[in-house]
Amino acid sequence: MRVKSNGMGLGGKGGGGLVPPGLSLDWRAWFEEYVARHGDPVPWEGRLLFRDGSMHSAENYEGPHWHPPADPGQLEELQLAYWRIRRKEVKRYLEAYKDQLEQLVQSQHRAGEVPLMTRVVRMDEAGNRRGESAAIDMPMLEARLTALEDMQDQADQEVELRVAIRRARRRRELTTTT
């Protein structure tokens, strides 16, 4: 969503402050940069949750946006929630990807020595759409599978770590209160 200046130096709807006349805020670009810096979010209670515990509106690039909680216990719970959701999403995607890759391998086996082809539509220099055929890049697809498996391993490790941190914190709380 782009927020246009109203010509009076105000940011417009949700602009959050003064914006010089003629300046246009690009909240979508801001959000994309935020994601690039903070990693992919997961859906959580109607919001987007990031691994650092920050949250953003799931419906509007402009926000609202919430910083990570200052309370360590709340932050730990949000980070654990993030990694549990992330693990579930990656697992579901990985299973579907493996199935599709296996189907491609079987199709390639049936096709024999001629590689399977795919059709890609590209824009040429004049802006016209051009269709091109190319062999399916199986090594690239297999590398993507490895990357997804690495993401799954990372999510598993992060969940285990966050659970251990939570247990240790709770043990400390019990020993300090008794």
N, C-alpha and C. Protein backbone atom coordinates (compact mmCIF):
# COMPACT_ATOMS: atom_id res chain seq x y z
N MET A 1 0.84 -1.16 0.00
CA MET A 1 0.00 0.00 0.00
C MET A 1 0.89 1.23 0.00
N ARG A 2 0.58 2.19 -0.82
CA ARG A 2 1.32 3.45 -0.84
C ARG A 2 0.50 4.51 -0.12
N VAL A 3 1.18 5.26 0.73
CA VAL A 3 0.53 6.35 1.45
C VAL A 3 0.97 7.63 0.77
N LYS A 4 0.03 8.38 0.23
CA LYS A 4 0.32 9.63 -0.46
C LYS A 4 0.28 10.80 0.51
N SER A 5 1.12 11.76 0.26
CA SER A 5 1.08 12.97 1.06
C SER A 5 -0.20 13.72 0.73
N ASN A 6 -0.78 14.36 1.74
CA ASN A 6 -1.98 15.14 1.49
C ASN A 6 -1.65 16.57 1.11
N GLY A 7 -0.37 16.84 0.89
CA GLY A 7 0.04 18.18 0.47
C GLY A 7 0.23 19.13 1.64
N MET A 8 -0.13 18.70 2.84
CA MET A 8 0.01 19.57 4.01
C MET A 8 1.12 19.05 4.92
N GLY A 9 1.90 18.11 4.45
CA GLY A 9 3.00 17.60 5.24
C GLY A 9 2.58 16.53 6.22
N LEU A 10 1.36 16.04 6.13
CA LEU A 10 0.90 14.98 7.01
C LEU A 10 1.03 13.66 6.29
N GLY A 11 1.28 12.62 7.01
CA GLY A 11 1.55 11.31 6.42
C GLY A 11 0.34 10.64 5.81
N GLY A 12 -0.82 11.17 6.02
CA GLY A 12 -2.01 10.51 5.49
C GLY A 12 -2.41 9.38 6.41
N LYS A 13 -3.31 8.56 5.97
CA LYS A 13 -3.86 7.47 6.78
C LYS A 13 -2.74 6.59 7.34
N GLY A 14 -2.62 6.58 8.66
CA GLY A 14 -1.65 5.70 9.30
C GLY A 14 -0.22 6.06 9.03
N GLY A 15 0.05 7.25 8.51
CA GLY A 15 1.40 7.63 8.15
C GLY A 15 2.35 7.73 9.32
N GLY A 16 1.77 7.91 10.50
CA GLY A 16 2.59 7.88 11.70
C GLY A 16 3.49 9.07 11.86
N GLY A 17 3.20 10.19 11.22
CA GLY A 17 4.03 11.37 11.43
C GLY A 17 4.01 12.27 10.23
N LEU A 18 4.88 13.27 10.30
CA LEU A 18 4.94 14.24 9.22
C LEU A 18 5.73 13.70 8.05
N VAL A 19 5.22 13.93 6.87
CA VAL A 19 5.88 13.51 5.64
C VAL A 19 5.94 14.73 4.75
N PRO A 20 7.11 15.07 4.22
CA PRO A 20 7.21 16.25 3.36
C PRO A 20 6.25 16.16 2.18
N PRO A 21 5.72 17.30 1.75
CA PRO A 21 4.81 17.31 0.60
C PRO A 21 5.45 16.65 -0.62
N GLY A 22 4.67 15.86 -1.33
CA GLY A 22 5.14 15.20 -2.54
C GLY A 22 5.85 13.89 -2.30
N LEU A 23 6.14 13.56 -1.05
CA LEU A 23 6.82 12.30 -0.74
C LEU A 23 5.78 11.20 -0.56
N SER A 24 6.05 10.09 -1.13
CA SER A 24 5.15 8.95 -1.05
C SER A 24 5.82 7.84 -0.27
N LEU A 25 5.17 7.38 0.79
CA LEU A 25 5.72 6.27 1.58
C LEU A 25 5.31 4.95 0.95
N ASP A 26 6.25 4.05 0.82
CA ASP A 26 5.99 2.74 0.24
C ASP A 26 6.08 1.71 1.36
N TRP A 27 4.95 1.42 1.99
CA TRP A 27 4.91 0.52 3.13
C TRP A 27 5.19 -0.93 2.72
N ARG A 28 4.84 -1.27 1.51
CA ARG A 28 5.13 -2.63 1.05
C ARG A 28 6.64 -2.85 0.99
N ALA A 29 7.36 -1.87 0.45
CA ALA A 29 8.82 -1.98 0.36
C ALA A 29 9.42 -2.01 1.77
N TRP A 30 8.87 -1.20 2.69
CA TRP A 30 9.35 -1.22 4.07
C TRP A 30 9.17 -2.62 4.66
N PHE A 31 7.98 -3.20 4.46
CA PHE A 31 7.69 -4.51 5.01
C PHE A 31 8.63 -5.57 4.41
N GLU A 32 8.86 -5.51 3.11
CA GLU A 32 9.75 -6.47 2.46
C GLU A 32 11.17 -6.35 3.02
N GLU A 33 11.62 -5.13 3.30
CA GLU A 33 12.93 -4.94 3.89
C GLU A 33 12.97 -5.47 5.33
N TYR A 34 11.88 -5.28 6.05
CA TYR A 34 11.80 -5.80 7.41
C TYR A 34 11.91 -7.33 7.40
N VAL A 35 11.19 -7.96 6.48
CA VAL A 35 11.25 -9.42 6.35
C VAL A 35 12.67 -9.87 5.97
N ALA A 36 13.31 -9.13 5.08
CA ALA A 36 14.68 -9.48 4.68
C ALA A 36 15.63 -9.44 5.89
N ARG A 37 15.39 -8.52 6.81
CA ARG A 37 16.25 -8.39 7.98
C ARG A 37 15.88 -9.34 9.13
N HIS A 38 14.60 -9.68 9.24
CA HIS A 38 14.12 -10.44 10.40
C HIS A 38 13.69 -11.86 10.07
N GLY A 39 13.72 -12.25 8.81
CA GLY A 39 13.34 -13.61 8.43
C GLY A 39 11.85 -13.73 8.15
N ASP A 40 11.48 -14.85 7.59
CA ASP A 40 10.09 -15.09 7.22
C ASP A 40 9.22 -15.17 8.47
N PRO A 41 8.08 -14.47 8.45
CA PRO A 41 7.16 -14.56 9.58
C PRO A 41 6.27 -15.79 9.47
N VAL A 42 5.59 -16.10 10.58
CA VAL A 42 4.58 -17.16 10.59
C VAL A 42 3.27 -16.53 11.08
N PRO A 43 2.14 -17.08 10.66
CA PRO A 43 0.87 -16.56 11.17
C PRO A 43 0.68 -16.93 12.64
N TRP A 44 0.23 -15.96 13.44
CA TRP A 44 0.03 -16.21 14.86
C TRP A 44 -1.04 -15.26 15.39
N GLU A 45 -2.16 -15.83 15.79
CA GLU A 45 -3.26 -15.09 16.41
C GLU A 45 -3.64 -13.83 15.62
N GLY A 46 -3.79 -13.98 14.31
CA GLY A 46 -4.20 -12.88 13.45
C GLY A 46 -3.11 -11.89 13.10
N ARG A 47 -1.90 -12.19 13.51
CA ARG A 47 -0.75 -11.33 13.22
C ARG A 47 0.33 -12.16 12.56
N LEU A 48 1.38 -11.49 12.13
CA LEU A 48 2.57 -12.17 11.64
C LEU A 48 3.62 -12.10 12.73
N LEU A 49 4.15 -13.24 13.13
CA LEU A 49 5.14 -13.34 14.19
C LEU A 49 6.50 -13.62 13.57
N PHE A 50 7.51 -12.85 14.01
CA PHE A 50 8.87 -13.03 13.54
C PHE A 50 9.69 -13.75 14.62
N ARG A 51 10.81 -14.35 14.21
CA ARG A 51 11.61 -15.15 15.14
C ARG A 51 12.15 -14.37 16.32
N ASP A 52 12.27 -13.05 16.19
CA ASP A 52 12.77 -12.25 17.31
C ASP A 52 11.67 -11.83 18.28
N GLY A 53 10.43 -12.26 18.01
CA GLY A 53 9.31 -11.93 18.88
C GLY A 53 8.55 -10.69 18.47
N SER A 54 9.01 -10.00 17.44
CA SER A 54 8.25 -8.86 16.94
C SER A 54 7.07 -9.37 16.13
N MET A 55 6.06 -8.53 15.98
CA MET A 55 4.86 -8.90 15.23
C MET A 55 4.44 -7.75 14.33
N HIS A 56 3.69 -8.10 13.30
CA HIS A 56 3.19 -7.12 12.35
C HIS A 56 1.79 -7.52 11.93
N SER A 57 1.03 -6.55 11.51
CA SER A 57 -0.31 -6.83 11.01
C SER A 57 -0.25 -7.86 9.89
N ALA A 58 -1.20 -8.77 9.89
CA ALA A 58 -1.27 -9.76 8.82
C ALA A 58 -2.11 -9.25 7.65
N GLU A 59 -2.68 -8.07 7.81
CA GLU A 59 -3.61 -7.56 6.80
C GLU A 59 -3.16 -6.27 6.12
N ASN A 60 -2.13 -5.61 6.65
CA ASN A 60 -1.78 -4.30 6.13
C ASN A 60 -0.27 -4.09 6.24
N TYR A 61 0.36 -3.76 5.12
CA TYR A 61 1.81 -3.51 5.13
C TYR A 61 2.16 -2.37 6.08
N GLU A 62 1.25 -1.44 6.21
CA GLU A 62 1.47 -0.24 7.00
C GLU A 62 1.49 -0.53 8.51
N GLY A 63 0.92 -1.62 8.90
CA GLY A 63 0.93 -1.97 10.31
C GLY A 63 -0.47 -2.14 10.85
N PRO A 64 -0.56 -2.22 12.15
CA PRO A 64 0.45 -1.86 13.14
C PRO A 64 1.56 -2.89 13.27
N HIS A 65 2.59 -2.44 13.97
CA HIS A 65 3.78 -3.25 14.21
C HIS A 65 4.02 -3.27 15.72
N TRP A 66 4.42 -4.42 16.25
CA TRP A 66 4.69 -4.57 17.67
C TRP A 66 6.12 -5.03 17.86
N HIS A 67 6.85 -4.37 18.75
CA HIS A 67 8.22 -4.77 19.07
C HIS A 67 8.19 -6.00 19.97
N PRO A 68 9.30 -6.72 20.07
CA PRO A 68 9.34 -7.88 20.96
C PRO A 68 9.04 -7.44 22.40
N PRO A 69 8.39 -8.30 23.17
CA PRO A 69 8.10 -7.92 24.56
C PRO A 69 9.38 -7.80 25.38
N ALA A 70 9.36 -6.90 26.35
CA ALA A 70 10.53 -6.71 27.22
C ALA A 70 10.64 -7.82 28.25
N ASP A 71 9.52 -8.43 28.61
CA ASP A 71 9.51 -9.51 29.60
C ASP A 71 10.16 -10.76 29.00
N PRO A 72 11.23 -11.27 29.62
CA PRO A 72 11.93 -12.44 29.06
C PRO A 72 11.03 -13.68 28.93
N GLY A 73 10.14 -13.89 29.88
CA GLY A 73 9.25 -15.05 29.81
C GLY A 73 8.30 -14.96 28.62
N GLN A 74 7.74 -13.78 28.40
CA GLN A 74 6.84 -13.59 27.25
C GLN A 74 7.61 -13.75 25.94
N LEU A 75 8.81 -13.20 25.91
CA LEU A 75 9.63 -13.33 24.70
C LEU A 75 9.95 -14.80 24.41
N GLU A 76 10.32 -15.55 25.43
CA GLU A 76 10.61 -16.98 25.25
C GLU A 76 9.40 -17.72 24.70
N GLU A 77 8.22 -17.41 25.22
CA GLU A 77 7.00 -18.08 24.75
C GLU A 77 6.70 -17.74 23.29
N LEU A 78 6.89 -16.48 22.92
CA LEU A 78 6.66 -16.09 21.51
C LEU A 78 7.67 -16.77 20.59
N GLN A 79 8.92 -16.83 21.01
CA GLN A 79 9.93 -17.46 20.17
C GLN A 79 9.68 -18.97 20.05
N LEU A 80 9.24 -19.58 21.12
CA LEU A 80 8.90 -21.01 21.04
C LEU A 80 7.71 -21.20 20.11
N ALA A 81 6.70 -20.34 20.22
CA ALA A 81 5.54 -20.42 19.33
C ALA A 81 5.98 -20.27 17.87
N TYR A 82 6.87 -19.29 17.62
CA TYR A 82 7.36 -19.08 16.26
C TYR A 82 7.97 -20.36 15.71
N TRP A 83 8.89 -20.97 16.46
CA TRP A 83 9.61 -22.12 15.93
C TRP A 83 8.73 -23.35 15.82
N ARG A 84 7.74 -23.49 16.68
CA ARG A 84 6.81 -24.62 16.53
C ARG A 84 5.98 -24.47 15.27
N ILE A 85 5.49 -23.27 15.02
CA ILE A 85 4.70 -23.02 13.81
C ILE A 85 5.58 -23.19 12.58
N ARG A 86 6.77 -22.63 12.62
CA ARG A 86 7.72 -22.72 11.49
C ARG A 86 8.03 -24.18 11.18
N ARG A 87 8.28 -24.97 12.23
CA ARG A 87 8.58 -26.39 12.04
C ARG A 87 7.42 -27.09 11.35
N LYS A 88 6.21 -26.81 11.79
CA LYS A 88 5.02 -27.43 11.19
C LYS A 88 4.86 -27.02 9.72
N GLU A 89 5.05 -25.74 9.42
CA GLU A 89 4.93 -25.26 8.04
C GLU A 89 5.99 -25.87 7.13
N VAL A 90 7.23 -25.89 7.61
CA VAL A 90 8.32 -26.44 6.80
C VAL A 90 8.09 -27.94 6.57
N LYS A 91 7.65 -28.64 7.59
CA LYS A 91 7.40 -30.08 7.46
C LYS A 91 6.34 -30.34 6.38
N ARG A 92 5.25 -29.59 6.44
CA ARG A 92 4.17 -29.76 5.46
C ARG A 92 4.67 -29.46 4.04
N TYR A 93 5.41 -28.37 3.89
CA TYR A 93 5.93 -28.00 2.58
C TYR A 93 6.95 -29.03 2.09
N LEU A 94 7.82 -29.48 2.99
CA LEU A 94 8.85 -30.45 2.63
C LEU A 94 8.23 -31.76 2.15
N GLU A 95 7.20 -32.23 2.83
CA GLU A 95 6.54 -33.47 2.41
C GLU A 95 5.93 -33.33 1.02
N ALA A 96 5.27 -32.21 0.75
CA ALA A 96 4.69 -31.98 -0.57
C ALA A 96 5.79 -31.88 -1.63
N TYR A 97 6.88 -31.20 -1.30
CA TYR A 97 7.99 -31.04 -2.24
C TYR A 97 8.61 -32.39 -2.57
N LYS A 98 8.81 -33.24 -1.55
CA LYS A 98 9.37 -34.57 -1.79
C LYS A 98 8.46 -35.38 -2.72
N ASP A 99 7.15 -35.31 -2.49
CA ASP A 99 6.21 -36.03 -3.34
C ASP A 99 6.31 -35.56 -4.79
N GLN A 100 6.35 -34.25 -4.98
CA GLN A 100 6.44 -33.72 -6.34
C GLN A 100 7.76 -34.08 -7.00
N LEU A 101 8.83 -34.02 -6.24
CA LEU A 101 10.14 -34.37 -6.80
C LEU A 101 10.18 -35.85 -7.18
N GLU A 102 9.61 -36.69 -6.35
CA GLU A 102 9.55 -38.12 -6.65
C GLU A 102 8.75 -38.37 -7.94
N GLN A 103 7.65 -37.64 -8.12
CA GLN A 103 6.86 -37.77 -9.35
C GLN A 103 7.68 -37.35 -10.56
N LEU A 104 8.47 -36.29 -10.41
CA LEU A 104 9.33 -35.86 -11.52
C LEU A 104 10.38 -36.91 -11.84
N VAL A 105 10.98 -37.49 -10.82
CA VAL A 105 12.00 -38.53 -11.03
C VAL A 105 11.38 -39.72 -11.76
N GLN A 106 10.18 -40.13 -11.34
CA GLN A 106 9.51 -41.25 -12.01
C GLN A 106 9.17 -40.90 -13.45
N SER A 107 8.71 -39.67 -13.67
CA SER A 107 8.39 -39.23 -15.04
C SER A 107 9.65 -39.21 -15.90
N GLN A 108 10.76 -38.74 -15.34
CA GLN A 108 12.01 -38.71 -16.08
C GLN A 108 12.46 -40.13 -16.41
N HIS A 109 12.27 -41.06 -15.48
CA HIS A 109 12.63 -42.45 -15.74
C HIS A 109 11.81 -42.99 -16.92
N ARG A 110 10.50 -42.69 -16.92
CA ARG A 110 9.65 -43.15 -18.02
C ARG A 110 10.01 -42.48 -19.34
N ALA A 111 10.47 -41.21 -19.25
CA ALA A 111 10.79 -40.45 -20.47
C ALA A 111 12.10 -40.90 -21.11
N GLY A 112 12.91 -41.59 -20.33
CA GLY A 112 14.17 -42.10 -20.89
C GLY A 112 15.26 -41.05 -20.91
N GLU A 113 16.06 -41.11 -22.00
CA GLU A 113 17.25 -40.27 -22.06
C GLU A 113 16.97 -38.80 -22.35
N VAL A 114 15.80 -38.50 -22.91
CA VAL A 114 15.47 -37.11 -23.22
C VAL A 114 14.97 -36.44 -21.94
N PRO A 115 15.57 -35.32 -21.57
CA PRO A 115 15.17 -34.69 -20.31
C PRO A 115 13.74 -34.12 -20.39
N LEU A 116 13.07 -34.14 -19.24
CA LEU A 116 11.76 -33.51 -19.17
C LEU A 116 11.92 -32.02 -19.43
N MET A 117 10.92 -31.45 -20.06
CA MET A 117 10.98 -30.04 -20.41
C MET A 117 9.90 -29.27 -19.66
N THR A 118 10.15 -28.00 -19.47
CA THR A 118 9.17 -27.11 -18.87
C THR A 118 9.06 -25.86 -19.74
N ARG A 119 7.93 -25.21 -19.67
CA ARG A 119 7.70 -24.01 -20.47
C ARG A 119 7.73 -22.81 -19.54
N VAL A 120 8.52 -21.79 -19.91
CA VAL A 120 8.66 -20.58 -19.14
C VAL A 120 8.27 -19.41 -20.02
N VAL A 121 7.47 -18.52 -19.48
CA VAL A 121 7.08 -17.31 -20.21
C VAL A 121 7.90 -16.16 -19.66
N ARG A 122 8.59 -15.45 -20.56
CA ARG A 122 9.44 -14.32 -20.17
C ARG A 122 9.03 -13.09 -20.98
N MET A 123 9.40 -11.93 -20.44
CA MET A 123 9.18 -10.68 -21.17
C MET A 123 10.46 -10.35 -21.95
N ASP A 124 10.31 -10.02 -23.23
CA ASP A 124 11.48 -9.63 -23.99
C ASP A 124 11.73 -8.13 -23.80
N GLU A 125 12.75 -7.61 -24.47
CA GLU A 125 13.15 -6.20 -24.30
C GLU A 125 12.03 -5.24 -24.69
N ALA A 126 11.18 -5.66 -25.62
CA ALA A 126 10.08 -4.80 -26.07
C ALA A 126 8.84 -4.94 -25.18
N GLY A 127 8.91 -5.80 -24.17
CA GLY A 127 7.77 -5.98 -23.26
C GLY A 127 6.78 -7.03 -23.74
N ASN A 128 7.14 -7.77 -24.78
CA ASN A 128 6.27 -8.83 -25.29
C ASN A 128 6.56 -10.13 -24.55
N ARG A 129 5.52 -10.91 -24.35
CA ARG A 129 5.67 -12.19 -23.67
C ARG A 129 6.17 -13.23 -24.67
N ARG A 130 7.18 -13.96 -24.28
CA ARG A 130 7.78 -15.01 -25.12
C ARG A 130 7.85 -16.30 -24.33
N GLY A 131 7.37 -17.36 -24.93
CA GLY A 131 7.46 -18.67 -24.30
C GLY A 131 8.73 -19.37 -24.71
N GLU A 132 9.38 -19.98 -23.73
CA GLU A 132 10.61 -20.73 -24.00
C GLU A 132 10.51 -22.07 -23.30
N SER A 133 11.08 -23.09 -23.95
CA SER A 133 11.15 -24.41 -23.31
C SER A 133 12.57 -24.66 -22.86
N ALA A 134 12.68 -25.33 -21.72
CA ALA A 134 14.00 -25.65 -21.19
C ALA A 134 13.91 -26.95 -20.42
N ALA A 135 15.03 -27.65 -20.35
CA ALA A 135 15.08 -28.88 -19.57
C ALA A 135 14.91 -28.55 -18.09
N ILE A 136 14.18 -29.43 -17.39
CA ILE A 136 14.03 -29.25 -15.95
C ILE A 136 15.38 -29.47 -15.29
N ASP A 137 15.76 -28.56 -14.43
CA ASP A 137 17.05 -28.58 -13.75
C ASP A 137 16.94 -29.43 -12.49
N MET A 138 17.10 -30.74 -12.63
CA MET A 138 16.96 -31.66 -11.50
C MET A 138 17.99 -31.38 -10.39
N PRO A 139 19.25 -31.08 -10.70
CA PRO A 139 20.18 -30.77 -9.60
C PRO A 139 19.74 -29.55 -8.78
N MET A 140 19.16 -28.56 -9.44
CA MET A 140 18.67 -27.39 -8.71
C MET A 140 17.50 -27.78 -7.81
N LEU A 141 16.60 -28.63 -8.30
CA LEU A 141 15.47 -29.08 -7.49
C LEU A 141 15.94 -29.92 -6.30
N GLU A 142 16.96 -30.74 -6.53
CA GLU A 142 17.51 -31.54 -5.43
C GLU A 142 18.23 -30.66 -4.41
N ALA A 143 18.87 -29.59 -4.86
CA ALA A 143 19.52 -28.65 -3.94
C ALA A 143 18.45 -27.94 -3.10
N ARG A 144 17.32 -27.63 -3.70
CA ARG A 144 16.22 -27.02 -2.95
C ARG A 144 15.70 -27.99 -1.89
N LEU A 145 15.64 -29.27 -2.22
CA LEU A 145 15.22 -30.28 -1.25
C LEU A 145 16.18 -30.29 -0.06
N THR A 146 17.47 -30.24 -0.33
CA THR A 146 18.47 -30.21 0.74
C THR A 146 18.29 -28.96 1.60
N ALA A 147 18.03 -27.82 0.98
CA ALA A 147 17.82 -26.58 1.73
C ALA A 147 16.59 -26.70 2.63
N LEU A 148 15.53 -27.30 2.12
CA LEU A 148 14.31 -27.49 2.93
C LEU A 148 14.58 -28.44 4.10
N GLU A 149 15.35 -29.50 3.85
CA GLU A 149 15.70 -30.41 4.94
C GLU A 149 16.54 -29.69 6.01
N ASP A 150 17.42 -28.79 5.56
CA ASP A 150 18.20 -27.99 6.51
C ASP A 150 17.29 -27.07 7.33
N MET A 151 16.28 -26.49 6.67
CA MET A 151 15.32 -25.64 7.39
C MET A 151 14.57 -26.45 8.43
N GLN A 152 14.21 -27.68 8.07
CA GLN A 152 13.51 -28.56 9.01
C GLN A 152 14.41 -28.88 10.21
N ASP A 153 15.66 -29.19 9.94
CA ASP A 153 16.61 -29.48 11.03
C ASP A 153 16.77 -28.26 11.94
N GLN A 154 16.89 -27.07 11.34
CA GLN A 154 17.03 -25.87 12.14
C GLN A 154 15.81 -25.65 13.03
N ALA A 155 14.62 -25.81 12.46
CA ALA A 155 13.40 -25.63 13.25
C ALA A 155 13.33 -26.64 14.39
N ASP A 156 13.68 -27.90 14.11
CA ASP A 156 13.69 -28.92 15.17
C ASP A 156 14.65 -28.52 16.29
N GLN A 157 15.85 -28.09 15.92
CA GLN A 157 16.85 -27.70 16.91
C GLN A 157 16.40 -26.49 17.72
N GLU A 158 15.79 -25.52 17.06
CA GLU A 158 15.33 -24.31 17.75
C GLU A 158 14.22 -24.64 18.74
N VAL A 159 13.30 -25.52 18.35
CA VAL A 159 12.23 -25.92 19.28
C VAL A 159 12.84 -26.60 20.49
N GLU A 160 13.76 -27.53 20.27
CA GLU A 160 14.42 -28.22 21.39
C GLU A 160 15.14 -27.23 22.30
N LEU A 161 15.85 -26.27 21.72
CA LEU A 161 16.56 -25.26 22.49
C LEU A 161 15.60 -24.41 23.31
N ARG A 162 14.52 -23.94 22.68
CA ARG A 162 13.56 -23.07 23.37
C ARG A 162 12.85 -23.82 24.50
N VAL A 163 12.55 -25.09 24.28
CA VAL A 163 11.92 -25.89 25.35
C VAL A 163 12.89 -26.04 26.51
N ALA A 164 14.16 -26.29 26.22
CA ALA A 164 15.17 -26.43 27.28
C ALA A 164 15.33 -25.12 28.04
N ILE A 165 15.32 -24.01 27.35
CA ILE A 165 15.43 -22.70 28.00
C ILE A 165 14.24 -22.46 28.92
N ARG A 166 13.05 -22.79 28.42
CA ARG A 166 11.85 -22.60 29.24
C ARG A 166 11.90 -23.48 30.48
N ARG A 167 12.30 -24.73 30.33
CA ARG A 167 12.41 -25.63 31.49
C ARG A 167 13.41 -25.10 32.51
N ALA A 168 14.55 -24.64 32.03
CA ALA A 168 15.57 -24.11 32.94
C ALA A 168 15.05 -22.87 33.67
N ARG A 169 14.36 -21.99 32.97
CA ARG A 169 13.79 -20.80 33.60
C ARG A 169 12.78 -21.18 34.67
N ARG A 170 11.93 -22.14 34.37
CA ARG A 170 10.92 -22.57 35.34
C ARG A 170 11.56 -23.22 36.56
N ARG A 171 12.62 -24.00 36.34
CA ARG A 171 13.32 -24.60 37.48
C ARG A 171 13.94 -23.51 38.37
N ARG A 172 14.54 -22.50 37.73
CA ARG A 172 15.11 -21.39 38.50
C ARG A 172 14.02 -20.68 39.31
N GLU A 173 12.87 -20.46 38.66
CA GLU A 173 11.77 -19.78 39.36
C GLU A 173 11.30 -20.60 40.55
N LEU A 174 11.23 -21.92 40.39
CA LEU A 174 10.79 -22.78 41.49
C LEU A 174 11.79 -22.77 42.64
N THR A 175 13.08 -22.78 42.33
CA THR A 175 14.08 -22.82 43.40
C THR A 175 14.21 -21.47 44.10
N THR A 176 13.90 -20.37 43.42
CA THR A 176 13.99 -19.07 44.07
C THR A 176 12.76 -18.74 44.87
N THR A 177 11.63 -19.39 44.58
CA THR A 177 10.39 -19.12 45.32
C THR A 177 10.21 -20.04 46.51
N THR A 178 10.98 -21.14 46.55
CA THR A 178 10.82 -22.08 47.68
C THR A 178 11.90 -21.89 48.72
